[in-house]
């Protein structure tokens, strides 16, 4: 095929086609940039609204916690946690109350009965309550429990003795605090005895 167009005109047509292609590319780039601007602006607006929503939720949550008295709840939780730790210590030491009560019962003087035992410290102190016929019998309980021959307690303190005018046989109620001997700890608390002098 023979090109009969003058060279100048043919060049104008060629450059016109190139210009049309460039215009299409430029238009596509402008549209793409506009799309990026829209996407960026939309993302920024979305993130800003999410941040404000989270801040609002955080403030309302703090107000709810204040209204529900969080400090008291934390205090109660701390107390419960402490109680659970003590319970775990008690359980881990396998306290043998049945054997202990039998051995205490053997050394109780005549005219007295054992009321209750309460563990006051995991490491070796208990509170005892007993009933007695008179003050002398109540005092004798402390003497018998702290006797080294019985190998139970290193010391027994009388907390209180109250005698009433009741007609029952055991008129006096007595409370004691007793500290285990180290050898008794190994028997009743399942704990290794620690060395000590005179116990």
N, C-alpha and C. Protein backbone atom coordinates (compact mmCIF):
# COMPACT_ATOMS: atom_id res chain seq x y z
N UNK A 1 0.85 -1.18 0.00
CA UNK A 1 0.00 0.00 0.00
C UNK A 1 0.89 1.23 0.00
N UNK A 2 0.55 2.17 -0.86
CA UNK A 2 1.38 3.35 -1.05
C UNK A 2 0.77 4.49 -0.25
N UNK A 3 1.59 5.14 0.59
CA UNK A 3 1.15 6.28 1.39
C UNK A 3 1.32 7.54 0.56
N UNK A 4 0.19 8.13 0.16
CA UNK A 4 0.24 9.31 -0.69
C UNK A 4 0.07 10.60 0.11
N UNK A 5 -0.03 10.45 1.47
CA UNK A 5 -0.21 11.65 2.30
C UNK A 5 1.12 12.38 2.40
N UNK A 6 1.02 13.69 2.44
CA UNK A 6 2.26 14.45 2.61
C UNK A 6 2.88 14.11 3.98
N UNK A 7 4.20 14.09 4.07
CA UNK A 7 4.87 13.71 5.33
C UNK A 7 4.43 14.55 6.52
N UNK A 8 4.25 15.83 6.33
CA UNK A 8 3.88 16.70 7.45
C UNK A 8 2.51 16.31 7.99
N UNK A 9 1.55 16.06 7.09
CA UNK A 9 0.20 15.69 7.50
C UNK A 9 0.19 14.33 8.20
N UNK A 10 0.99 13.41 7.63
CA UNK A 10 1.08 12.08 8.24
C UNK A 10 1.65 12.18 9.66
N UNK A 11 2.64 13.07 9.86
CA UNK A 11 3.22 13.25 11.19
C UNK A 11 2.21 13.84 12.16
N UNK A 12 1.36 14.77 11.67
CA UNK A 12 0.32 15.36 12.52
C UNK A 12 -0.69 14.30 12.98
N UNK A 13 -1.02 13.40 12.06
CA UNK A 13 -1.95 12.32 12.42
C UNK A 13 -1.31 11.41 13.48
N UNK A 14 -0.02 11.07 13.27
CA UNK A 14 0.67 10.19 14.22
C UNK A 14 0.73 10.82 15.60
N UNK A 15 1.09 12.11 15.65
CA UNK A 15 1.18 12.79 16.96
C UNK A 15 -0.21 12.99 17.58
N UNK A 16 -1.20 13.15 16.74
CA UNK A 16 -2.56 13.28 17.25
C UNK A 16 -3.01 12.00 17.95
N UNK A 17 -2.64 10.85 17.35
CA UNK A 17 -2.98 9.58 17.99
C UNK A 17 -2.23 9.43 19.32
N UNK A 18 -0.96 9.81 19.33
CA UNK A 18 -0.18 9.72 20.57
C UNK A 18 -0.77 10.63 21.64
N UNK A 19 -1.17 11.82 21.22
CA UNK A 19 -1.78 12.76 22.18
C UNK A 19 -3.08 12.19 22.75
N UNK A 20 -3.87 11.52 21.92
CA UNK A 20 -5.12 10.92 22.40
C UNK A 20 -4.82 9.83 23.43
N UNK A 21 -3.78 9.00 23.15
CA UNK A 21 -3.38 7.97 24.12
C UNK A 21 -2.90 8.58 25.43
N UNK A 22 -2.08 9.64 25.32
CA UNK A 22 -1.60 10.31 26.54
C UNK A 22 -2.75 10.90 27.34
N UNK A 23 -3.74 11.48 26.62
CA UNK A 23 -4.89 12.05 27.33
C UNK A 23 -5.65 10.96 28.08
N UNK A 24 -5.79 9.77 27.45
CA UNK A 24 -6.46 8.67 28.13
C UNK A 24 -5.69 8.24 29.38
N UNK A 25 -4.37 8.11 29.25
CA UNK A 25 -3.55 7.74 30.41
C UNK A 25 -3.65 8.78 31.52
N UNK A 26 -3.57 10.07 31.12
CA UNK A 26 -3.66 11.13 32.14
C UNK A 26 -5.02 11.09 32.82
N UNK A 27 -6.08 10.89 32.04
CA UNK A 27 -7.42 10.81 32.63
C UNK A 27 -7.53 9.63 33.59
N UNK A 28 -6.95 8.47 33.19
CA UNK A 28 -6.97 7.30 34.07
C UNK A 28 -6.21 7.56 35.37
N UNK A 29 -5.05 8.24 35.25
CA UNK A 29 -4.26 8.55 36.45
C UNK A 29 -5.01 9.51 37.36
N UNK A 30 -5.69 10.50 36.78
CA UNK A 30 -6.47 11.44 37.59
C UNK A 30 -7.60 10.72 38.30
N UNK A 31 -8.29 9.79 37.59
CA UNK A 31 -9.37 9.04 38.21
C UNK A 31 -8.83 8.16 39.34
N UNK A 32 -7.67 7.49 39.11
CA UNK A 32 -7.06 6.63 40.13
C UNK A 32 -6.67 7.45 41.36
N UNK A 33 -6.08 8.64 41.14
CA UNK A 33 -5.68 9.50 42.26
C UNK A 33 -6.91 9.98 43.03
N UNK A 34 -7.98 10.31 42.30
CA UNK A 34 -9.21 10.72 42.98
C UNK A 34 -9.76 9.57 43.82
N UNK A 35 -9.70 8.34 43.27
CA UNK A 35 -10.14 7.17 44.04
C UNK A 35 -9.32 6.98 45.31
N UNK A 36 -7.99 7.13 45.20
CA UNK A 36 -7.12 7.02 46.37
C UNK A 36 -7.45 8.07 47.42
N UNK A 37 -7.72 9.30 46.96
CA UNK A 37 -8.07 10.37 47.91
C UNK A 37 -9.37 10.02 48.62
N UNK A 38 -10.37 9.51 47.86
CA UNK A 38 -11.65 9.15 48.47
C UNK A 38 -11.47 8.02 49.48
N UNK A 39 -10.68 6.98 49.08
CA UNK A 39 -10.45 5.85 49.99
C UNK A 39 -9.73 6.29 51.25
N UNK A 40 -8.68 7.16 51.08
CA UNK A 40 -7.93 7.64 52.25
C UNK A 40 -8.82 8.45 53.17
N UNK A 41 -9.62 9.34 52.60
CA UNK A 41 -10.51 10.17 53.42
C UNK A 41 -11.54 9.31 54.14
N UNK A 42 -12.09 8.33 53.41
CA UNK A 42 -13.07 7.44 54.04
C UNK A 42 -12.46 6.65 55.19
N UNK A 43 -11.25 6.11 54.98
CA UNK A 43 -10.56 5.37 56.03
C UNK A 43 -10.27 6.25 57.25
N UNK A 44 -9.83 7.46 56.99
CA UNK A 44 -9.54 8.37 58.12
C UNK A 44 -10.81 8.68 58.91
N UNK A 45 -11.91 8.95 58.18
CA UNK A 45 -13.18 9.22 58.87
C UNK A 45 -13.65 8.01 59.67
N UNK A 46 -13.48 6.80 59.09
CA UNK A 46 -13.89 5.58 59.80
C UNK A 46 -13.06 5.38 61.07
N UNK A 47 -11.74 5.52 60.94
CA UNK A 47 -10.86 5.36 62.10
C UNK A 47 -11.16 6.41 63.17
N UNK A 48 -11.43 7.63 62.74
CA UNK A 48 -11.75 8.69 63.70
C UNK A 48 -13.04 8.37 64.45
N UNK A 49 -14.05 7.89 63.73
CA UNK A 49 -15.31 7.55 64.38
C UNK A 49 -15.14 6.36 65.33
N UNK A 50 -14.29 5.37 64.94
CA UNK A 50 -14.04 4.23 65.82
C UNK A 50 -13.30 4.65 67.08
N UNK A 51 -12.32 5.55 66.93
CA UNK A 51 -11.58 6.03 68.10
C UNK A 51 -12.50 6.77 69.07
N UNK A 52 -13.39 7.61 68.53
CA UNK A 52 -14.33 8.33 69.38
C UNK A 52 -15.29 7.37 70.07
N UNK A 53 -15.72 6.34 69.33
CA UNK A 53 -16.64 5.36 69.91
C UNK A 53 -15.97 4.59 71.04
N UNK A 54 -14.71 4.18 70.83
CA UNK A 54 -13.98 3.46 71.88
C UNK A 54 -13.74 4.35 73.10
N UNK A 55 -13.43 5.60 72.87
CA UNK A 55 -13.23 6.52 73.99
C UNK A 55 -14.52 6.69 74.78
N UNK A 56 -15.63 6.79 74.07
CA UNK A 56 -16.92 6.92 74.74
C UNK A 56 -17.24 5.66 75.55
N UNK A 57 -16.97 4.47 74.95
CA UNK A 57 -17.21 3.22 75.67
C UNK A 57 -16.33 3.10 76.91
N UNK A 58 -15.07 3.55 76.79
CA UNK A 58 -14.15 3.50 77.92
C UNK A 58 -14.64 4.38 79.06
N UNK A 59 -15.08 5.59 78.73
CA UNK A 59 -15.57 6.51 79.76
C UNK A 59 -16.82 5.95 80.42
N UNK A 60 -17.74 5.42 79.61
CA UNK A 60 -18.97 4.88 80.19
C UNK A 60 -18.67 3.65 81.04
N UNK A 61 -17.68 2.82 80.63
CA UNK A 61 -17.29 1.66 81.43
C UNK A 61 -16.71 2.08 82.77
N UNK A 62 -15.87 3.11 82.77
CA UNK A 62 -15.30 3.60 84.03
C UNK A 62 -16.39 4.14 84.94
N UNK A 63 -17.37 4.84 84.36
CA UNK A 63 -18.46 5.36 85.18
C UNK A 63 -19.28 4.22 85.78
N UNK A 64 -19.50 3.16 84.99
CA UNK A 64 -20.23 2.01 85.51
C UNK A 64 -19.48 1.34 86.65
N UNK A 65 -18.14 1.20 86.48
CA UNK A 65 -17.35 0.58 87.54
C UNK A 65 -17.37 1.41 88.81
N UNK A 66 -17.31 2.73 88.66
CA UNK A 66 -17.40 3.59 89.84
C UNK A 66 -18.75 3.44 90.51
N UNK A 67 -19.79 3.35 89.68
CA UNK A 67 -21.14 3.20 90.24
C UNK A 67 -21.29 1.87 90.96
N UNK A 68 -20.57 0.84 90.52
CA UNK A 68 -20.68 -0.48 91.13
C UNK A 68 -19.69 -0.66 92.29
N UNK A 69 -19.04 0.42 92.72
CA UNK A 69 -18.15 0.39 93.88
C UNK A 69 -17.01 -0.60 93.67
N UNK A 70 -16.18 -0.31 92.65
CA UNK A 70 -15.08 -1.21 92.28
C UNK A 70 -14.10 -1.41 93.43
N UNK A 71 -13.82 -0.36 94.20
CA UNK A 71 -12.84 -0.49 95.28
C UNK A 71 -13.29 -1.53 96.30
N UNK A 72 -14.58 -1.55 96.61
CA UNK A 72 -15.09 -2.53 97.57
C UNK A 72 -14.99 -3.95 97.00
N UNK A 73 -15.30 -4.07 95.69
CA UNK A 73 -15.21 -5.38 95.04
C UNK A 73 -13.77 -5.88 95.06
N UNK A 74 -12.80 -4.97 94.78
CA UNK A 74 -11.39 -5.37 94.81
C UNK A 74 -10.98 -5.77 96.22
N UNK A 75 -11.46 -5.04 97.22
CA UNK A 75 -11.14 -5.37 98.61
C UNK A 75 -11.69 -6.75 98.97
N UNK A 76 -12.95 -7.00 98.58
CA UNK A 76 -13.55 -8.31 98.85
C UNK A 76 -12.79 -9.43 98.14
N UNK A 77 -12.38 -9.16 96.89
CA UNK A 77 -11.63 -10.17 96.13
C UNK A 77 -10.30 -10.46 96.80
N UNK A 78 -9.64 -9.42 97.34
CA UNK A 78 -8.37 -9.63 98.04
C UNK A 78 -8.57 -10.48 99.29
N UNK A 79 -9.65 -10.20 100.03
CA UNK A 79 -9.93 -10.99 101.24
C UNK A 79 -10.21 -12.45 100.88
N UNK A 80 -11.01 -12.65 99.83
CA UNK A 80 -11.33 -14.02 99.40
C UNK A 80 -10.06 -14.74 98.97
N UNK A 81 -9.18 -14.01 98.24
CA UNK A 81 -7.92 -14.62 97.80
C UNK A 81 -7.07 -15.03 99.00
N UNK A 82 -7.03 -14.17 100.03
CA UNK A 82 -6.29 -14.52 101.24
C UNK A 82 -6.87 -15.74 101.93
N UNK A 83 -8.21 -15.81 102.00
CA UNK A 83 -8.86 -16.97 102.61
C UNK A 83 -8.55 -18.25 101.85
N UNK A 84 -8.56 -18.15 100.52
CA UNK A 84 -8.27 -19.32 99.69
C UNK A 84 -6.84 -19.80 99.92
N UNK A 85 -5.90 -18.84 100.07
CA UNK A 85 -4.51 -19.23 100.33
C UNK A 85 -4.39 -19.97 101.66
N UNK A 86 -5.09 -19.46 102.68
CA UNK A 86 -5.05 -20.12 103.98
C UNK A 86 -5.65 -21.52 103.88
N UNK A 87 -6.78 -21.64 103.16
CA UNK A 87 -7.41 -22.95 102.99
C UNK A 87 -6.46 -23.91 102.28
N UNK A 88 -5.78 -23.42 101.24
CA UNK A 88 -4.83 -24.27 100.53
C UNK A 88 -3.69 -24.71 101.44
N UNK A 89 -3.21 -23.78 102.29
CA UNK A 89 -2.15 -24.14 103.23
C UNK A 89 -2.65 -25.20 104.20
N UNK A 90 -3.87 -24.99 104.70
CA UNK A 90 -4.42 -25.95 105.66
C UNK A 90 -4.57 -27.32 105.02
N UNK A 91 -5.12 -27.34 103.80
CA UNK A 91 -5.33 -28.62 103.12
C UNK A 91 -4.01 -29.29 102.79
N UNK A 92 -3.01 -28.47 102.40
CA UNK A 92 -1.73 -29.06 102.03
C UNK A 92 -1.01 -29.64 103.24
N UNK A 93 -1.34 -29.16 104.43
CA UNK A 93 -0.68 -29.67 105.63
C UNK A 93 -1.42 -30.88 106.22
N UNK A 94 -2.58 -31.20 105.69
CA UNK A 94 -3.33 -32.38 106.12
C UNK A 94 -3.47 -32.43 107.64
N UNK A 95 -4.15 -31.46 108.19
CA UNK A 95 -4.32 -31.39 109.64
C UNK A 95 -5.17 -32.58 110.10
N UNK A 96 -4.66 -33.29 111.08
CA UNK A 96 -5.32 -34.51 111.57
C UNK A 96 -6.08 -34.18 112.85
N UNK A 97 -7.25 -33.55 112.68
CA UNK A 97 -8.02 -33.11 113.83
C UNK A 97 -8.52 -34.29 114.67
N UNK A 98 -8.87 -35.39 114.03
CA UNK A 98 -9.42 -36.51 114.80
C UNK A 98 -8.38 -37.05 115.78
N UNK A 99 -7.14 -37.22 115.30
CA UNK A 99 -6.07 -37.71 116.19
C UNK A 99 -5.77 -36.68 117.27
N UNK A 100 -5.77 -35.41 116.89
CA UNK A 100 -5.49 -34.36 117.85
C UNK A 100 -6.54 -34.32 118.96
N UNK A 101 -7.80 -34.41 118.58
CA UNK A 101 -8.87 -34.36 119.59
C UNK A 101 -8.79 -35.56 120.54
N UNK A 102 -8.44 -36.70 120.01
CA UNK A 102 -8.32 -37.88 120.88
C UNK A 102 -7.19 -37.69 121.89
N UNK A 103 -6.06 -37.16 121.42
CA UNK A 103 -4.92 -36.98 122.33
C UNK A 103 -5.20 -35.89 123.36
N UNK A 104 -5.90 -34.83 122.96
CA UNK A 104 -6.26 -33.79 123.93
C UNK A 104 -7.25 -34.35 124.95
N UNK A 105 -8.21 -35.14 124.46
CA UNK A 105 -9.20 -35.74 125.36
C UNK A 105 -8.55 -36.61 126.43
N UNK A 106 -7.44 -37.26 126.10
CA UNK A 106 -6.76 -38.13 127.06
C UNK A 106 -6.16 -37.35 128.23
N UNK A 107 -5.78 -36.10 127.99
CA UNK A 107 -5.10 -35.33 129.04
C UNK A 107 -6.03 -34.33 129.73
N UNK A 108 -7.29 -34.31 129.34
CA UNK A 108 -8.23 -33.40 130.02
C UNK A 108 -8.44 -33.87 131.45
N UNK A 109 -8.38 -32.95 132.42
CA UNK A 109 -8.55 -33.37 133.83
C UNK A 109 -10.00 -33.75 134.11
N UNK A 110 -10.24 -34.48 135.21
CA UNK A 110 -11.61 -34.83 135.59
C UNK A 110 -12.42 -33.56 135.84
N UNK A 111 -13.69 -33.61 135.50
CA UNK A 111 -14.57 -32.46 135.70
C UNK A 111 -14.50 -31.44 134.58
N UNK A 112 -13.95 -31.83 133.42
CA UNK A 112 -13.85 -30.91 132.27
C UNK A 112 -14.22 -31.66 131.00
N UNK A 113 -14.69 -30.90 130.01
CA UNK A 113 -14.96 -31.47 128.68
C UNK A 113 -14.46 -30.50 127.63
N UNK A 114 -13.99 -31.05 126.52
CA UNK A 114 -13.50 -30.23 125.41
C UNK A 114 -14.68 -29.71 124.61
N UNK A 115 -14.67 -28.39 124.33
CA UNK A 115 -15.77 -27.81 123.56
C UNK A 115 -15.47 -27.77 122.08
N UNK A 116 -14.41 -27.04 121.69
CA UNK A 116 -14.10 -26.92 120.26
C UNK A 116 -12.62 -26.62 120.06
N UNK A 117 -12.17 -26.86 118.83
CA UNK A 117 -10.80 -26.53 118.41
C UNK A 117 -10.91 -25.67 117.17
N UNK A 118 -10.13 -24.58 117.15
CA UNK A 118 -10.11 -23.71 115.97
C UNK A 118 -8.67 -23.42 115.61
N UNK A 119 -8.31 -23.67 114.36
CA UNK A 119 -6.96 -23.38 113.91
C UNK A 119 -6.83 -21.88 113.74
N UNK A 120 -5.93 -21.25 114.50
CA UNK A 120 -5.76 -19.80 114.38
C UNK A 120 -4.59 -19.44 113.50
N UNK A 121 -3.58 -20.31 113.43
CA UNK A 121 -2.46 -20.10 112.53
C UNK A 121 -2.07 -21.45 111.96
N UNK A 122 -1.76 -21.45 110.68
CA UNK A 122 -1.40 -22.71 110.05
C UNK A 122 -0.11 -23.25 110.64
N UNK A 123 0.77 -22.38 111.12
CA UNK A 123 2.08 -22.82 111.58
C UNK A 123 2.10 -23.26 113.03
N UNK A 124 0.99 -23.46 113.69
CA UNK A 124 1.10 -24.12 114.97
C UNK A 124 0.33 -23.60 116.15
N UNK A 125 -0.59 -22.67 116.00
CA UNK A 125 -1.39 -22.23 117.15
C UNK A 125 -2.85 -22.58 116.92
N UNK A 126 -3.52 -22.99 118.00
CA UNK A 126 -4.94 -23.28 117.92
C UNK A 126 -5.65 -22.63 119.10
N UNK A 127 -6.93 -22.37 118.91
CA UNK A 127 -7.79 -21.88 119.99
C UNK A 127 -8.64 -23.05 120.46
N UNK A 128 -8.69 -23.23 121.77
CA UNK A 128 -9.49 -24.30 122.35
C UNK A 128 -10.55 -23.70 123.25
N UNK A 129 -11.71 -24.31 123.28
CA UNK A 129 -12.72 -23.94 124.27
C UNK A 129 -13.11 -25.21 125.02
N UNK A 130 -13.34 -25.06 126.31
CA UNK A 130 -13.70 -26.21 127.14
C UNK A 130 -14.68 -25.76 128.21
N UNK A 131 -15.36 -26.73 128.80
CA UNK A 131 -16.27 -26.47 129.92
C UNK A 131 -15.73 -27.21 131.14
N UNK A 132 -15.87 -26.56 132.29
CA UNK A 132 -15.34 -27.14 133.53
C UNK A 132 -16.34 -26.94 134.66
N UNK A 133 -16.16 -27.74 135.73
CA UNK A 133 -17.07 -27.62 136.87
C UNK A 133 -16.75 -26.40 137.73
N UNK A 134 -15.45 -26.00 137.76
CA UNK A 134 -15.07 -24.84 138.59
C UNK A 134 -13.79 -24.22 138.03
N UNK A 135 -13.33 -23.13 138.66
CA UNK A 135 -12.13 -22.42 138.22
C UNK A 135 -10.89 -23.31 138.30
N UNK A 136 -10.80 -24.10 139.32
CA UNK A 136 -9.63 -24.96 139.49
C UNK A 136 -9.51 -25.96 138.35
N UNK A 137 -10.63 -26.57 138.00
CA UNK A 137 -10.61 -27.53 136.88
C UNK A 137 -10.24 -26.84 135.58
N UNK A 138 -10.74 -25.62 135.38
CA UNK A 138 -10.42 -24.87 134.16
C UNK A 138 -8.93 -24.56 134.09
N UNK A 139 -8.34 -24.17 135.23
CA UNK A 139 -6.90 -23.88 135.25
C UNK A 139 -6.08 -25.15 135.03
N UNK A 140 -6.59 -26.27 135.53
CA UNK A 140 -5.87 -27.54 135.38
C UNK A 140 -5.78 -27.96 133.91
N UNK A 141 -6.75 -27.54 133.11
CA UNK A 141 -6.70 -27.86 131.67
C UNK A 141 -5.42 -27.31 131.07
N UNK A 142 -5.12 -26.02 131.35
CA UNK A 142 -3.91 -25.40 130.82
C UNK A 142 -2.67 -26.12 131.29
N UNK A 143 -2.66 -26.53 132.56
CA UNK A 143 -1.50 -27.24 133.11
C UNK A 143 -1.29 -28.56 132.39
N UNK A 144 -2.37 -29.33 132.23
CA UNK A 144 -2.25 -30.64 131.58
C UNK A 144 -1.83 -30.53 130.11
N UNK A 145 -2.40 -29.56 129.41
CA UNK A 145 -2.09 -29.44 127.98
C UNK A 145 -0.65 -29.02 127.74
N UNK A 146 -0.10 -28.20 128.64
CA UNK A 146 1.27 -27.72 128.43
C UNK A 146 2.32 -28.63 129.07
N UNK A 147 1.90 -29.71 129.73
CA UNK A 147 2.84 -30.64 130.36
C UNK A 147 3.72 -31.28 129.28
N UNK A 148 5.03 -31.22 129.47
CA UNK A 148 5.96 -31.75 128.46
C UNK A 148 5.83 -33.25 128.27
N UNK A 149 5.32 -33.97 129.27
CA UNK A 149 5.13 -35.42 129.15
C UNK A 149 4.10 -35.75 128.08
N UNK A 150 3.13 -34.86 127.90
CA UNK A 150 2.07 -35.11 126.91
C UNK A 150 2.53 -34.81 125.49
N UNK A 151 3.59 -34.05 125.35
CA UNK A 151 4.19 -33.77 124.04
C UNK A 151 3.17 -33.20 123.04
N UNK A 152 2.33 -32.27 123.53
CA UNK A 152 1.34 -31.65 122.66
C UNK A 152 1.67 -30.19 122.38
N UNK A 153 1.67 -29.38 123.45
CA UNK A 153 1.83 -27.94 123.29
C UNK A 153 3.02 -27.43 124.09
N UNK A 154 3.72 -26.46 123.52
CA UNK A 154 4.84 -25.86 124.23
C UNK A 154 4.36 -24.82 125.23
N UNK A 155 3.25 -24.16 124.93
CA UNK A 155 2.67 -23.20 125.88
C UNK A 155 1.17 -23.14 125.67
N UNK A 156 0.45 -22.91 126.77
CA UNK A 156 -1.00 -22.78 126.72
C UNK A 156 -1.36 -21.56 127.55
N UNK A 157 -2.00 -20.58 126.91
CA UNK A 157 -2.41 -19.36 127.61
C UNK A 157 -3.91 -19.40 127.86
N UNK A 158 -4.29 -19.03 129.07
CA UNK A 158 -5.72 -18.93 129.39
C UNK A 158 -6.21 -17.58 128.88
N UNK A 159 -7.14 -17.60 127.95
CA UNK A 159 -7.70 -16.36 127.40
C UNK A 159 -8.80 -15.85 128.31
N UNK A 160 -9.70 -16.73 128.72
CA UNK A 160 -10.78 -16.32 129.61
C UNK A 160 -11.39 -17.53 130.30
N UNK A 161 -11.91 -17.30 131.52
CA UNK A 161 -12.67 -18.31 132.25
C UNK A 161 -13.88 -17.61 132.84
N UNK A 162 -15.05 -18.07 132.47
CA UNK A 162 -16.30 -17.47 132.96
C UNK A 162 -17.16 -18.55 133.60
N UNK A 163 -17.53 -18.31 134.84
CA UNK A 163 -18.39 -19.26 135.54
C UNK A 163 -19.73 -18.60 135.82
N UNK A 164 -20.79 -19.32 135.52
CA UNK A 164 -22.14 -18.78 135.73
C UNK A 164 -22.80 -19.56 136.86
N UNK A 165 -23.92 -19.05 137.31
CA UNK A 165 -24.65 -19.73 138.38
C UNK A 165 -25.64 -20.73 137.84
N UNK A 166 -25.34 -21.30 136.67
CA UNK A 166 -26.30 -22.22 136.06
C UNK A 166 -26.31 -23.54 136.82
N UNK A 167 -27.37 -24.29 136.63
CA UNK A 167 -27.53 -25.55 137.36
C UNK A 167 -26.88 -26.72 136.62
N UNK A 168 -26.27 -26.47 135.50
CA UNK A 168 -25.61 -27.57 134.77
C UNK A 168 -24.35 -28.00 135.51
N UNK A 169 -23.86 -29.19 135.18
CA UNK A 169 -22.68 -29.72 135.86
C UNK A 169 -21.43 -28.91 135.52
N UNK A 170 -21.34 -28.44 134.27
CA UNK A 170 -20.17 -27.68 133.84
C UNK A 170 -20.54 -26.20 133.78
N UNK A 171 -20.33 -25.51 134.91
CA UNK A 171 -20.76 -24.10 135.02
C UNK A 171 -19.79 -23.14 134.34
N UNK A 172 -18.54 -23.53 134.21
CA UNK A 172 -17.50 -22.61 133.71
C UNK A 172 -17.17 -22.92 132.25
N UNK A 173 -17.05 -21.84 131.47
CA UNK A 173 -16.56 -21.98 130.09
C UNK A 173 -15.19 -21.30 130.02
N UNK A 174 -14.24 -21.98 129.40
CA UNK A 174 -12.86 -21.48 129.36
C UNK A 174 -12.35 -21.49 127.92
N UNK A 175 -11.56 -20.48 127.60
CA UNK A 175 -10.95 -20.37 126.27
C UNK A 175 -9.43 -20.32 126.43
N UNK A 176 -8.72 -21.03 125.56
CA UNK A 176 -7.27 -21.12 125.64
C UNK A 176 -6.67 -20.91 124.25
N UNK A 177 -5.44 -20.43 124.25
CA UNK A 177 -4.65 -20.37 123.02
C UNK A 177 -3.42 -21.22 123.25
N UNK A 178 -3.22 -22.21 122.40
CA UNK A 178 -2.13 -23.16 122.59
C UNK A 178 -1.21 -23.16 121.38
N UNK A 179 0.09 -23.30 121.67
CA UNK A 179 1.11 -23.35 120.61
C UNK A 179 1.71 -24.74 120.56
N UNK A 180 1.65 -25.39 119.41
CA UNK A 180 2.15 -26.76 119.25
C UNK A 180 3.65 -26.85 119.52
N UNK A 181 4.05 -27.97 120.10
CA UNK A 181 5.47 -28.31 120.11
C UNK A 181 5.87 -28.71 118.68
N UNK A 182 7.16 -28.59 118.39
CA UNK A 182 7.61 -28.93 117.04
C UNK A 182 7.36 -30.39 116.71
N UNK A 183 7.51 -31.26 117.68
CA UNK A 183 7.26 -32.69 117.42
C UNK A 183 5.78 -32.93 117.17
N UNK A 184 4.92 -32.15 117.83
CA UNK A 184 3.48 -32.31 117.61
C UNK A 184 3.09 -31.79 116.24
N UNK A 185 3.79 -30.76 115.75
CA UNK A 185 3.49 -30.26 114.40
C UNK A 185 3.67 -31.36 113.37
N UNK A 186 4.74 -32.11 113.53
CA UNK A 186 4.98 -33.17 112.54
C UNK A 186 3.92 -34.26 112.61
N UNK A 187 3.30 -34.43 113.79
CA UNK A 187 2.26 -35.45 113.92
C UNK A 187 0.91 -34.98 113.40
N UNK A 188 0.54 -33.75 113.78
CA UNK A 188 -0.82 -33.29 113.50
C UNK A 188 -0.93 -32.37 112.28
N UNK A 189 0.13 -31.60 112.02
CA UNK A 189 0.08 -30.67 110.89
C UNK A 189 0.81 -31.20 109.68
N UNK A 190 1.41 -32.38 109.83
CA UNK A 190 2.17 -32.97 108.73
C UNK A 190 3.23 -32.02 108.23
N UNK A 191 3.85 -31.27 109.16
CA UNK A 191 4.91 -30.34 108.80
C UNK A 191 6.20 -30.78 109.44
N UNK A 192 7.28 -30.52 108.77
CA UNK A 192 8.58 -30.90 109.33
C UNK A 192 8.87 -30.09 110.57
N UNK A 193 9.31 -30.76 111.62
CA UNK A 193 9.61 -30.07 112.86
C UNK A 193 10.85 -29.22 112.70
N UNK A 194 10.76 -27.97 113.20
CA UNK A 194 11.90 -27.08 113.16
C UNK A 194 12.67 -27.18 114.46
N UNK A 195 14.00 -27.07 114.39
CA UNK A 195 14.77 -27.18 115.63
C UNK A 195 14.48 -26.02 116.55
N UNK A 196 14.38 -26.31 117.84
CA UNK A 196 14.17 -25.24 118.81
C UNK A 196 14.73 -25.71 120.13
N UNK A 197 14.85 -24.77 121.06
CA UNK A 197 15.40 -25.10 122.36
C UNK A 197 14.27 -25.22 123.37
N UNK A 198 14.23 -26.32 124.11
CA UNK A 198 13.28 -26.48 125.20
C UNK A 198 11.87 -26.77 124.78
N UNK A 199 11.64 -27.18 123.52
CA UNK A 199 10.29 -27.48 123.10
C UNK A 199 10.19 -28.93 122.72
